[in-house]
C-alpha atoms as a PDB file:
ATOM      1  CA  MET A   1      -1.574 -19.933   1.981  1.00  0.00           C
ATOM      2  CA  GLU A   2      -1.708 -21.985  -1.208  1.00  0.00           C
ATOM      3  CA  LYS A   3       0.327 -25.190  -1.321  1.00  0.00           C
ATOM      4  CA  PHE A   4       3.364 -25.350  -3.594  1.00  0.00           C
ATOM      5  CA  SER A   5       4.743 -28.635  -4.883  1.00  0.00           C
ATOM      6  CA  LYS A   6       5.377 -28.461  -8.633  1.00  0.00           C
ATOM      7  CA  LEU A   7       4.908 -25.624 -11.090  1.00  0.00           C
ATOM      8  CA  THR A   8       5.236 -25.560 -14.866  1.00  0.00           C
ATOM      9  CA  GLY A   9       4.805 -22.227 -16.586  1.00  0.00           C
ATOM     10  CA  ILE A  10       6.068 -19.516 -18.883  1.00  0.00           C
ATOM     11  CA  VAL A  11       9.256 -17.820 -17.705  1.00  0.00           C
ATOM     12  CA  ALA A  12       9.393 -14.013 -17.777  1.00  0.00           C
ATOM     13  CA  PRO A  13      12.869 -12.406 -17.729  1.00  0.00           C
ATOM     14  CA  LEU A  14      13.792  -9.300 -15.757  1.00  0.00           C
ATOM     15  CA  ASP A  15      17.491  -8.954 -16.525  1.00  0.00           C
ATOM     16  CA  ARG A  16      18.368  -6.532 -13.727  1.00  0.00           C
ATOM     17  CA  ALA A  17      20.438  -6.889 -10.569  1.00  0.00           C
ATOM     18  CA  ASN A  18      19.709  -5.301  -7.186  1.00  0.00           C
ATOM     19  CA  VAL A  19      15.990  -4.818  -7.796  1.00  0.00           C
ATOM     20  CA  ASP A  20      14.789  -3.478  -4.464  1.00  0.00           C
ATOM     21  CA  THR A  21      11.383  -3.676  -2.817  1.00  0.00           C
ATOM     22  CA  ASP A  22      10.620  -0.035  -3.636  1.00  0.00           C
ATOM     23  CA  GLN A  23      10.973  -0.906  -7.313  1.00  0.00           C
ATOM     24  CA  ILE A  24       8.847  -4.031  -6.855  1.00  0.00           C
ATOM     25  CA  ILE A  25       6.061  -2.123  -5.069  1.00  0.00           C
ATOM     26  CA  PRO A  26       6.674   1.615  -4.540  1.00  0.00           C
ATOM     27  CA  LYS A  27       5.972   3.059  -1.092  1.00  0.00           C
ATOM     28  CA  GLN A  28       3.037   5.237  -2.198  1.00  0.00           C
ATOM     29  CA  PHE A  29       0.971   2.078  -2.738  1.00  0.00           C
ATOM     30  CA  LEU A  30       1.471   0.648   0.754  1.00  0.00           C
ATOM     31  CA  LYS A  31      -1.583   2.303   2.304  1.00  0.00           C
ATOM     32  CA  ARG A  32      -3.830  -0.753   2.155  1.00  0.00           C
ATOM     33  CA  ILE A  33      -4.160  -3.135   5.085  1.00  0.00           C
ATOM     34  CA  GLU A  34      -5.360  -6.059   2.954  1.00  0.00           C
ATOM     35  CA  ARG A  35      -3.050  -8.500   1.192  1.00  0.00           C
ATOM     36  CA  THR A  36      -4.695  -7.803  -2.154  1.00  0.00           C
ATOM     37  CA  GLY A  37      -4.796  -4.917  -4.586  1.00  0.00           C
ATOM     38  CA  PHE A  38      -1.043  -4.534  -5.104  1.00  0.00           C
ATOM     39  CA  GLY A  39      -0.511  -6.440  -8.359  1.00  0.00           C
ATOM     40  CA  GLU A  40      -1.447  -3.598 -10.673  1.00  0.00           C
ATOM     41  CA  PHE A  41       1.192  -1.411  -9.011  1.00  0.00           C
ATOM     42  CA  ALA A  42       4.069  -3.893  -9.173  1.00  0.00           C
ATOM     43  CA  PHE A  43       7.121  -2.429 -10.959  1.00  0.00           C
ATOM     44  CA  PHE A  44       5.040   0.734 -11.331  1.00  0.00           C
ATOM     45  CA  ASP A  45       7.825   3.119 -12.359  1.00  0.00           C
ATOM     46  CA  TRP A  46       9.025   0.746 -15.077  1.00  0.00           C
ATOM     47  CA  ARG A  47       5.687  -0.700 -16.090  1.00  0.00           C
ATOM     48  CA  TYR A  48       3.812   2.537 -16.823  1.00  0.00           C
ATOM     49  CA  LEU A  49       4.509   5.781 -18.646  1.00  0.00           C
ATOM     50  CA  GLU A  50       3.795   9.118 -16.963  1.00  0.00           C
ATOM     51  CA  ASP A  51       0.268   9.213 -18.436  1.00  0.00           C
ATOM     52  CA  GLY A  52      -0.553   5.793 -16.916  1.00  0.00           C
ATOM     53  CA  VAL A  53      -0.300   3.864 -20.198  1.00  0.00           C
ATOM     54  CA  LEU A  54       1.669   0.602 -20.197  1.00  0.00           C
ATOM     55  CA  ASN A  55       5.291   1.200 -21.146  1.00  0.00           C
ATOM     56  CA  PRO A  56       5.938  -0.780 -24.353  1.00  0.00           C
ATOM     57  CA  ASP A  57       9.678  -0.819 -23.554  1.00  0.00           C
ATOM     58  CA  PHE A  58       9.254  -2.668 -20.252  1.00  0.00           C
ATOM     59  CA  ILE A  59       9.874  -6.332 -20.954  1.00  0.00           C
ATOM     60  CA  LEU A  60       7.195  -7.733 -18.641  1.00  0.00           C
ATOM     61  CA  ASN A  61       4.584  -5.817 -20.671  1.00  0.00           C
ATOM     62  CA  GLU A  62       5.367  -7.845 -23.792  1.00  0.00           C
ATOM     63  CA  ASN A  63       2.532 -10.148 -24.898  1.00  0.00           C
ATOM     64  CA  ARG A  64       4.797 -13.181 -25.011  1.00  0.00           C
ATOM     65  CA  TYR A  65       5.160 -13.049 -21.214  1.00  0.00           C
ATOM     66  CA  ARG A  66       1.463 -12.740 -20.410  1.00  0.00           C
ATOM     67  CA  GLY A  67       0.426 -15.403 -17.959  1.00  0.00           C
ATOM     68  CA  ALA A  68       4.006 -16.075 -16.864  1.00  0.00           C
ATOM     69  CA  LYS A  69       4.242 -17.957 -13.573  1.00  0.00           C
ATOM     70  CA  ILE A  70       8.013 -17.924 -13.149  1.00  0.00           C
ATOM     71  CA  LEU A  71      10.197 -14.808 -12.966  1.00  0.00           C
ATOM     72  CA  VAL A  72      13.921 -15.075 -13.665  1.00  0.00           C
ATOM     73  CA  THR A  73      16.007 -12.134 -12.570  1.00  0.00           C
ATOM     74  CA  GLY A  74      19.412 -10.895 -11.434  1.00  0.00           C
ATOM     75  CA  ARG A  75      21.323 -11.144  -8.176  1.00  0.00           C
ATOM     76  CA  ASN A  76      20.233  -9.587  -4.886  1.00  0.00           C
ATOM     77  CA  PHE A  77      16.577  -9.467  -5.850  1.00  0.00           C
ATOM     78  CA  GLY A  78      14.328  -7.927  -3.188  1.00  0.00           C
ATOM     79  CA  SER A  79      16.925  -5.796  -1.429  1.00  0.00           C
ATOM     80  CA  GLY A  80      15.923  -2.671   0.469  1.00  0.00           C
ATOM     81  CA  SER A  81      13.213  -2.187   3.041  1.00  0.00           C
ATOM     82  CA  SER A  82      11.227  -5.073   4.459  1.00  0.00           C
ATOM     83  CA  ARG A  83       7.665  -5.263   3.145  1.00  0.00           C
ATOM     84  CA  GLU A  84       5.431  -8.263   2.631  1.00  0.00           C
ATOM     85  CA  HIS A  85       3.649  -6.211  -0.010  1.00  0.00           C
ATOM     86  CA  ALA A  86       6.440  -7.127  -2.454  1.00  0.00           C
ATOM     87  CA  PRO A  87       5.640 -10.858  -2.631  1.00  0.00           C
ATOM     88  CA  TRP A  88       1.923 -10.062  -2.491  1.00  0.00           C
ATOM     89  CA  ALA A  89       2.280  -7.806  -5.551  1.00  0.00           C
ATOM     90  CA  LEU A  90       4.359 -10.367  -7.452  1.00  0.00           C
ATOM     91  CA  MET A  91       1.865 -13.125  -6.705  1.00  0.00           C
ATOM     92  CA  GLU A  92      -0.999 -10.939  -7.926  1.00  0.00           C
ATOM     93  CA  MET A  93       0.942 -10.497 -11.171  1.00  0.00           C
ATOM     94  CA  GLY A  94       0.736 -14.285 -11.458  1.00  0.00           C
ATOM     95  CA  PHE A  95       4.192 -15.359 -10.292  1.00  0.00           C
ATOM     96  CA  ARG A  96       4.558 -18.390  -7.991  1.00  0.00           C
ATOM     97  CA  ALA A  97       8.339 -18.828  -8.287  1.00  0.00           C
ATOM     98  CA  ILE A  98      11.312 -16.502  -8.741  1.00  0.00           C
ATOM     99  CA  ILE A  99      14.684 -17.730  -9.963  1.00  0.00           C
ATOM    100  CA  ALA A 100      17.803 -15.687  -9.219  1.00  0.00           C
ATOM    101  CA  PRO A 101      21.464 -16.120  -8.224  1.00  0.00           C
ATOM    102  CA  SER A 102      20.690 -14.529  -4.833  1.00  0.00           C
ATOM    103  CA  PHE A 103      17.928 -12.835  -2.836  1.00  0.00           C
ATOM    104  CA  ALA A 104      17.877 -10.360   0.005  1.00  0.00           C
ATOM    105  CA  ASP A 105      17.315 -12.393   3.184  1.00  0.00           C
ATOM    106  CA  ILE A 106      14.194 -10.608   4.451  1.00  0.00           C
ATOM    107  CA  PHE A 107      12.565 -10.683   1.030  1.00  0.00           C
ATOM    108  CA  ARG A 108      13.305 -14.402   0.658  1.00  0.00           C
ATOM    109  CA  ASN A 109      11.745 -15.073   4.047  1.00  0.00           C
ATOM    110  CA  ASN A 110       8.676 -12.972   3.175  1.00  0.00           C
ATOM    111  CA  CYS A 111       8.256 -14.941  -0.057  1.00  0.00           C
ATOM    112  CA  GLU A 112       8.420 -18.306   1.710  1.00  0.00           C
ATOM    113  CA  GLN A 113       5.946 -17.098   4.353  1.00  0.00           C
ATOM    114  CA  ASN A 114       3.436 -16.191   1.636  1.00  0.00           C
ATOM    115  CA  GLY A 115       3.683 -19.123  -0.782  1.00  0.00           C
ATOM    116  CA  LEU A 116       6.038 -17.575  -3.350  1.00  0.00           C
ATOM    117  CA  LEU A 117       9.044 -19.845  -3.916  1.00  0.00           C
ATOM    118  CA  PRO A 118      12.455 -18.123  -4.241  1.00  0.00           C
ATOM    119  CA  VAL A 119      14.869 -20.420  -6.092  1.00  0.00           C
ATOM    120  CA  ILE A 120      18.603 -19.779  -5.914  1.00  0.00           C
ATOM    121  CA  LEU A 121      20.556 -21.263  -8.820  1.00  0.00           C
ATOM    122  CA  LYS A 122      24.127 -20.881 -10.022  1.00  0.00           C
ATOM    123  CA  THR A 123      24.751 -17.745 -12.055  1.00  0.00           C
ATOM    124  CA  SER A 124      25.485 -19.844 -15.153  1.00  0.00           C
ATOM    125  CA  GLU A 125      22.136 -21.651 -14.790  1.00  0.00           C
ATOM    126  CA  VAL A 126      20.267 -18.372 -14.300  1.00  0.00           C
ATOM    127  CA  ASP A 127      22.036 -16.990 -17.380  1.00  0.00           C
ATOM    128  CA  THR A 128      20.867 -19.992 -19.432  1.00  0.00           C
ATOM    129  CA  ILE A 129      17.252 -19.571 -18.320  1.00  0.00           C
ATOM    130  CA  MET A 130      17.430 -15.806 -18.899  1.00  0.00           C
ATOM    131  CA  ALA A 131      18.810 -16.222 -22.416  1.00  0.00           C
ATOM    132  CA  ARG A 132      16.167 -18.785 -23.357  1.00  0.00           C
ATOM    133  CA  ALA A 133      13.355 -16.646 -21.967  1.00  0.00           C
ATOM    134  CA  LEU A 134      14.639 -13.578 -23.837  1.00  0.00           C
ATOM    135  CA  ARG A 135      15.182 -15.461 -27.089  1.00  0.00           C
ATOM    136  CA  GLY A 136      11.956 -17.327 -27.564  1.00  0.00           C
ATOM    137  CA  SER A 137       8.235 -16.955 -27.173  1.00  0.00           C
ATOM    138  CA  GLY A 138       6.500 -19.284 -24.758  1.00  0.00           C
ATOM    139  CA  TYR A 139       9.666 -20.597 -23.117  1.00  0.00           C
ATOM    140  CA  SER A 140       8.605 -22.562 -20.053  1.00  0.00           C
ATOM    141  CA  ALA A 141      10.230 -24.387 -17.188  1.00  0.00           C
ATOM    142  CA  THR A 142       9.216 -26.652 -14.329  1.00  0.00           C
ATOM    143  CA  VAL A 143      10.064 -25.879 -10.717  1.00  0.00           C
ATOM    144  CA  ASP A 144       9.691 -29.009  -8.597  1.00  0.00           C
ATOM    145  CA  LEU A 145       9.894 -28.330  -4.870  1.00  0.00           C
ATOM    146  CA  VAL A 146       9.725 -32.021  -3.938  1.00  0.00           C
ATOM    147  CA  SER A 147      12.849 -32.921  -5.938  1.00  0.00           C
ATOM    148  CA  GLN A 148      14.283 -29.377  -5.592  1.00  0.00           C
ATOM    149  CA  THR A 149      14.966 -29.107  -9.308  1.00  0.00           C
ATOM    150  CA  VAL A 150      14.364 -26.731 -12.193  1.00  0.00           C
ATOM    151  CA  THR A 151      14.045 -28.303 -15.647  1.00  0.00           C
ATOM    152  CA  ASP A 152      12.990 -26.954 -19.008  1.00  0.00           C
ATOM    153  CA  GLY A 153      12.557 -29.942 -21.318  1.00  0.00           C
ATOM    154  CA  GLN A 154      15.768 -29.006 -23.064  1.00  0.00           C
ATOM    155  CA  ASN A 155      19.093 -29.764 -21.388  1.00  0.00           C
ATOM    156  CA  LEU A 156      18.572 -27.817 -18.176  1.00  0.00           C
ATOM    157  CA  ASN A 157      18.394 -29.849 -14.971  1.00  0.00           C
ATOM    158  CA  ALA A 158      19.386 -27.616 -12.066  1.00  0.00           C
ATOM    159  CA  SER A 159      19.185 -28.368  -8.343  1.00  0.00           C
ATOM    160  CA  PHE A 160      18.496 -25.881  -5.574  1.00  0.00           C
ATOM    161  CA  GLU A 161      18.667 -25.858  -1.789  1.00  0.00           C
ATOM    162  CA  ILE A 162      15.903 -24.839   0.598  1.00  0.00           C
ATOM    163  CA  ASP A 163      15.561 -24.937   4.351  1.00  0.00           C
ATOM    164  CA  PRO A 164      13.693 -28.184   5.239  1.00  0.00           C
ATOM    165  CA  PHE A 165      11.296 -26.333   7.552  1.00  0.00           C
ATOM    166  CA  ARG A 166      10.350 -23.840   4.824  1.00  0.00           C
ATOM    167  CA  LYS A 167      10.065 -26.626   2.255  1.00  0.00           C
ATOM    168  CA  ASN A 168       7.627 -28.506   4.470  1.00  0.00           C
ATOM    169  CA  SER A 169       5.614 -25.336   5.107  1.00  0.00           C
ATOM    170  CA  LEU A 170       5.327 -24.584   1.387  1.00  0.00           C
ATOM    171  CA  LEU A 171       4.378 -28.172   0.526  1.00  0.00           C
ATOM    172  CA  LYS A 172       1.624 -28.117   3.159  1.00  0.00           C
ATOM    173  CA  GLY A 173       0.560 -24.531   2.460  1.00  0.00           C
ATOM    174  CA  LEU A 174       1.188 -23.413   6.029  1.00  0.00           C
ATOM    175  CA  ASP A 175       2.361 -19.988   7.114  1.00  0.00           C
ATOM    176  CA  ASP A 176       3.462 -19.428  10.724  1.00  0.00           C
ATOM    177  CA  VAL A 177      -0.141 -19.082  11.927  1.00  0.00           C
ATOM    178  CA  GLY A 178      -1.112 -22.257  10.106  1.00  0.00           C
ATOM    179  CA  ILE A 179       1.807 -24.123  11.645  1.00  0.00           C
ATOM    180  CA  THR A 180       0.716 -22.983  15.107  1.00  0.00           C
ATOM    181  CA  LEU A 181      -2.858 -24.123  14.433  1.00  0.00           C
ATOM    182  CA  ASP A 182      -1.497 -27.574  13.592  1.00  0.00           C
ATOM    183  CA  TYR A 183      -0.591 -27.839  17.284  1.00  0.00           C
ATOM    184  CA  VAL A 184      -3.846 -26.466  18.694  1.00  0.00           C
ATOM    185  CA  GLU A 185      -4.723 -29.699  20.539  1.00  0.00           C
ATOM    186  CA  SER A 186      -1.320 -29.806  22.232  1.00  0.00           C
ATOM    187  CA  ILE A 187      -1.567 -26.110  23.081  1.00  0.00           C
ATOM    188  CA  ASP A 188      -5.065 -26.565  24.538  1.00  0.00           C
ATOM    189  CA  SER A 189      -3.877 -29.565  26.562  1.00  0.00           C
ATOM    190  CA  PHE A 190      -0.912 -27.618  27.947  1.00  0.00           C
ATOM    191  CA  GLU A 191      -3.071 -24.603  28.790  1.00  0.00           C
ATOM    192  CA  SER A 192      -5.673 -26.744  30.577  1.00  0.00           C
ATOM    193  CA  LYS A 193      -2.993 -28.104  32.939  1.00  0.00           C
ATOM    194  CA  ARG A 194      -1.553 -24.743  33.877  1.00  0.00           C
ATOM    195  CA  ALA A 195      -2.538 -23.180  37.182  1.00  0.00           C
ATOM    196  CA  ALA A 196      -4.481 -19.958  36.845  1.00  0.00           C
ATOM    197  CA  ARG A 197      -2.328 -16.884  37.573  1.00  0.00           C
ATOM    198  CA  TRP A 198      -5.138 -14.598  38.637  1.00  0.00           C
END
């Protein structure tokens, strides 16, 4: 997976609470076995009209949020069924970090396993970021995983917590398989000393 250390980018606001994984990537698009090809279907029911045309009333379709790398949203983001397709779809939309007051546990874990950083901030801090992203065009922020801060060049300087193991994995760009491969010499050494069982 791609390393994550520091990200500066446009912030796109999705001012909704309890956005579940079926809203992020609806079940009818989960037929692929690859990790790619999901981005165009993210937020499908909100993003498109019945005839397949982009919905002009859906905020993430607005031109001012094109190329956004940071999503700010409401509490309990990613609730519902477990599916890695949700972070895959969000990453294909261009997002590398999501800021919210809270995340569903499985979704948060799936994000961290795939290089998408979920940032939990105080509700008041999320509200400030949301208001600034809604108010202006080109509002950007910086998410720094090393210092565990979110800043915006204005007066925002917010700190967030992250599990040290997950932080290290994101900084090094290692998913669970990658972490295991880091120990391949030790594993090979251990296996070579074991007595054959057959």
